[in-house]
Protein backbone atom coordinates (compact mmCIF):
# COMPACT_ATOMS: atom_id res chain seq x y z
CA MET A 1 1.98 49.06 28.08
CA ILE A 2 -0.73 50.95 29.46
CA ALA A 3 -3.67 52.26 27.85
CA GLU A 4 -4.11 56.16 27.66
CA SER A 5 -7.53 55.56 29.65
CA ASP A 6 -6.33 53.63 31.98
CA LYS A 7 -3.33 56.52 32.49
CA ALA A 8 -6.51 58.29 33.42
CA ARG A 9 -7.25 56.71 35.76
CA VAL A 10 -4.02 56.48 37.74
CA SER A 11 -3.90 60.16 37.63
CA ALA A 12 -7.48 60.31 38.96
CA ALA A 13 -6.53 57.89 41.63
CA ILE A 14 -3.30 59.90 42.39
CA ARG A 15 -5.70 63.27 42.84
CA GLN A 16 -8.54 61.46 45.23
CA ALA A 17 -5.43 60.29 47.13
CA GLU A 18 -3.34 63.41 47.62
CA ALA A 19 -6.95 65.09 48.49
CA GLN A 20 -5.93 63.14 51.51
CA THR A 21 -2.85 64.17 52.14
CA SER A 22 0.03 66.79 51.49
CA GLY A 23 2.40 64.07 50.19
CA GLU A 24 3.12 64.17 46.88
CA ILE A 25 2.99 61.08 44.30
CA PHE A 26 4.16 60.20 41.35
CA CYS A 27 4.31 57.04 39.29
CA VAL A 28 6.88 55.29 36.70
CA ILE A 29 6.33 52.39 34.66
CA ALA A 30 9.54 51.05 32.85
CA ARG A 31 9.19 48.63 29.65
CA HIS A 32 13.01 47.67 30.81
CA SER A 33 15.76 49.15 33.14
CA GLY A 34 18.41 47.94 31.02
CA ASP A 35 19.32 46.08 28.22
CA TYR A 36 22.36 44.25 28.96
CA ARG A 37 23.78 44.26 25.60
CA LEU A 38 27.02 43.05 26.94
CA VAL A 39 25.54 40.35 28.88
CA PRO A 40 24.74 37.70 25.05
CA ILE A 41 28.56 38.88 24.51
CA ALA A 42 30.24 37.87 28.26
CA TRP A 43 28.54 34.22 27.57
CA ALA A 44 29.52 33.89 24.09
CA ALA A 45 32.62 34.38 25.22
CA TRP A 46 33.16 31.45 28.03
CA VAL A 47 31.13 28.87 25.18
CA ALA A 48 33.26 29.73 22.31
CA LEU A 49 36.14 29.08 24.36
CA LEU A 50 34.97 25.87 26.40
CA ALA A 51 33.82 25.15 22.86
CA PRO A 52 37.53 23.96 20.99
CA LEU A 53 37.99 21.65 23.91
CA PRO A 54 35.94 18.26 22.59
CA MET A 55 36.89 18.98 19.01
CA ILE A 56 40.49 18.66 20.00
CA PHE A 57 40.33 15.54 21.86
CA LEU A 58 37.19 14.00 19.95
CA THR A 59 37.80 14.93 16.50
CA HIS A 60 40.84 15.20 13.90
CA TRP A 61 39.70 18.54 12.98
CA SER A 62 42.57 20.92 11.61
CA LEU A 63 43.30 24.21 13.86
CA ARG A 64 41.62 26.26 11.80
CA VAL A 65 38.72 24.14 10.98
CA VAL A 66 38.78 24.82 15.12
CA TYR A 67 38.95 27.73 14.86
CA LEU A 68 37.07 29.04 12.60
CA SER A 69 34.65 26.98 14.70
CA GLN A 70 34.95 28.75 16.89
CA ILE A 71 33.91 31.82 15.70
CA ALA A 72 31.07 30.53 14.48
CA VAL A 73 30.38 29.15 17.46
CA PHE A 74 30.99 32.44 19.65
CA LEU A 75 28.94 34.50 16.58
CA LEU A 76 25.61 31.71 16.78
CA VAL A 77 25.47 32.08 20.88
CA VAL A 78 25.79 36.03 20.98
CA LEU A 79 22.85 35.42 18.47
CA LEU A 80 20.72 33.66 19.91
CA LEU A 81 20.94 35.67 23.37
CA SER A 82 20.24 38.19 21.70
CA ILE A 83 16.56 37.62 21.65
CA PRO A 84 15.04 39.94 24.50
CA GLY A 85 13.14 37.03 25.31
CA LEU A 86 16.00 34.98 26.57
CA ARG A 87 18.95 37.65 27.22
CA PHE A 88 16.82 38.97 30.25
CA HIS A 89 16.49 35.67 31.55
CA ILE A 90 20.51 35.14 30.96
CA VAL A 91 20.81 37.88 33.65
CA PRO A 92 21.23 37.27 37.28
CA ARG A 93 18.18 38.67 39.50
CA ARG A 94 20.55 40.80 41.42
CA ALA A 95 21.59 42.01 38.97
CA ARG A 96 18.63 42.82 37.03
CA HIS A 97 17.15 44.23 40.16
CA ASP A 98 19.98 46.10 40.84
CA ARG A 99 19.58 47.73 37.46
CA ALA A 100 15.76 48.37 37.86
CA HIS A 101 16.62 50.44 41.79
CA ALA A 102 19.54 52.71 39.69
CA GLU A 103 16.52 53.25 37.46
CA ALA A 104 13.65 54.46 40.38
CA MET A 105 16.47 55.99 41.67
CA ARG A 106 17.55 58.08 38.41
CA GLN A 107 13.49 58.28 37.48
CA PHE A 108 12.97 59.82 41.56
CA SER A 109 15.56 62.77 41.00
CA ALA A 110 14.65 63.25 36.80
CA GLN A 111 11.03 63.69 38.16
CA GLY A 112 11.73 66.63 40.53
CA LEU A 113 10.23 63.92 43.42
CA ASP A 114 13.73 64.79 45.68
CA LYS A 115 12.63 68.97 45.25
CA THR A 116 9.77 68.72 46.96
CA GLU A 117 9.38 72.19 49.24
CA HIS A 118 9.38 70.08 52.80
CA ARG A 119 10.84 66.16 51.01
CA THR A 120 7.73 64.62 51.06
CA GLY A 121 7.37 63.21 47.40
CA VAL A 122 6.79 59.47 47.18
CA LEU A 123 7.67 56.87 43.57
CA ILE A 124 5.93 54.03 42.78
CA PHE A 125 8.18 52.76 40.44
CA ALA A 126 7.70 48.83 38.47
CA SER A 127 9.80 47.63 35.45
CA ALA A 128 8.72 45.26 33.84
CA GLY A 129 11.66 43.45 32.18
CA GLU A 130 13.32 43.07 35.38
CA ARG A 131 9.83 42.14 37.22
CA TYR A 132 11.09 44.67 39.59
CA ALA A 133 8.53 46.89 42.05
CA GLU A 134 9.56 49.79 44.55
CA ILE A 135 8.39 52.69 46.77
CA VAL A 136 10.80 55.17 46.66
CA ALA A 137 9.81 57.95 49.22
CA ASP A 138 12.50 61.40 50.25
CA ALA A 139 13.72 62.54 53.38
CA GLY A 140 10.89 64.19 54.83
CA ILE A 141 8.68 61.01 55.06
CA ASN A 142 11.40 58.28 55.77
CA GLU A 143 11.55 59.91 59.06
CA LYS A 144 7.99 59.00 59.55
CA VAL A 145 7.48 55.69 58.18
CA ALA A 146 9.36 52.54 58.30
CA PRO A 147 10.84 51.47 54.75
CA ASP A 148 8.79 48.49 55.36
CA ILE A 149 5.55 49.88 55.61
CA TRP A 150 5.40 49.94 51.72
CA ASN A 151 5.37 46.21 51.16
CA ASP A 152 1.88 46.15 51.28
CA ALA A 153 1.09 48.31 48.22
CA VAL A 154 4.66 47.00 46.05
CA LYS A 155 3.20 43.62 47.20
CA ALA A 156 -0.73 44.80 46.01
CA LEU A 157 1.54 46.55 42.51
CA VAL A 158 3.15 43.16 41.85
CA THR A 159 -0.03 40.71 42.58
CA GLU A 160 -2.29 43.12 39.93
CA ILE A 161 1.34 43.30 37.10
CA LYS A 162 1.07 39.75 36.93
CA ALA A 163 -1.98 39.20 36.59
CA GLY A 164 -1.97 41.43 33.37
CA ARG A 165 -3.79 45.10 35.46
CA PRO A 166 -1.21 47.52 35.10
CA ALA A 167 -2.84 50.07 36.16
CA GLU A 168 -5.51 48.18 38.40
CA GLY A 169 -1.79 47.74 40.67
CA PHE A 170 -0.91 51.46 40.59
CA ILE A 171 -4.16 52.37 41.47
CA ALA A 172 -4.55 49.77 45.08
CA ALA A 173 -0.50 50.93 45.18
CA ILE A 174 -1.77 54.88 44.88
CA GLU A 175 -4.48 54.39 48.10
CA ARG A 176 -2.48 52.29 49.87
CA CYS A 177 0.66 54.85 50.02
CA GLY A 178 -2.01 57.79 50.15
CA ASN A 179 -3.82 56.19 53.18
CA VAL A 180 0.07 55.92 54.75
CA LEU A 181 1.18 59.58 53.71
CA ALA A 182 -2.61 60.34 55.13
CA HIS A 183 -1.65 59.96 58.41
CA HIS A 184 1.80 60.81 58.98
CA PHE A 185 1.16 63.79 56.27
CA PRO A 186 -2.25 65.53 56.10
CA PRO A 187 -3.35 67.56 53.94
CA GLY A 188 -2.91 71.65 54.28
CA ALA A 189 -0.25 71.00 56.61
CA LEU A 190 2.43 71.92 53.97
CA LYS A 191 1.81 72.79 50.49
CA ARG A 192 0.88 70.50 47.81
CA GLY A 193 0.52 70.09 44.08
CA GLU A 194 3.99 70.28 43.21
CA LEU A 195 3.83 67.50 41.04
CA PRO A 196 2.05 66.65 38.06
CA ASP A 197 -0.32 64.09 38.53
CA LYS A 198 0.33 61.13 36.37
CA LEU A 199 1.57 57.53 35.68
CA LEU A 200 4.90 57.69 33.02
CA GLU A 201 5.77 55.13 30.93
CA ILE A 202 9.32 54.43 30.06
């Protein structure tokens, strides 16, 4: 999703931002946070359940033909809705965002952002399939920074990703997060350099 040269630019932006703060910034971009393979089956089962009604009332087909048609409808709908482009569209927006948020929290723990000495880790997370972005900050930061402070960084990230410039979006978000962190956690006050300065693509 992001070229290696752009990942290097993002890493440089993280180093530059962390030079002004004792906070730690880590970035993750996910192709998608879930495969939602059960969703097409659920939709197909619902369609197949209703499919026999017009056949029973509007045709003279035998029960055997109706039954086989119902199976065919189920299989056809499953195959159609399993196409990735369609599958993500039939998943409710709230479900997609819940799944992406869960993945953001999982990455926060998996990358050790919850293990910094003074709990000053910040995750900048985006999931392309769900069209979701979030900034997750650890307890030490949340004590001083209200969650809505990150909205400007999220907006900058989303705007650039929609325009097809994900690296620019992460760089803009890093700069904004760095400014917030520099205000509350100046350099030298706490230990720095506990996490790698990188953008992880999953």
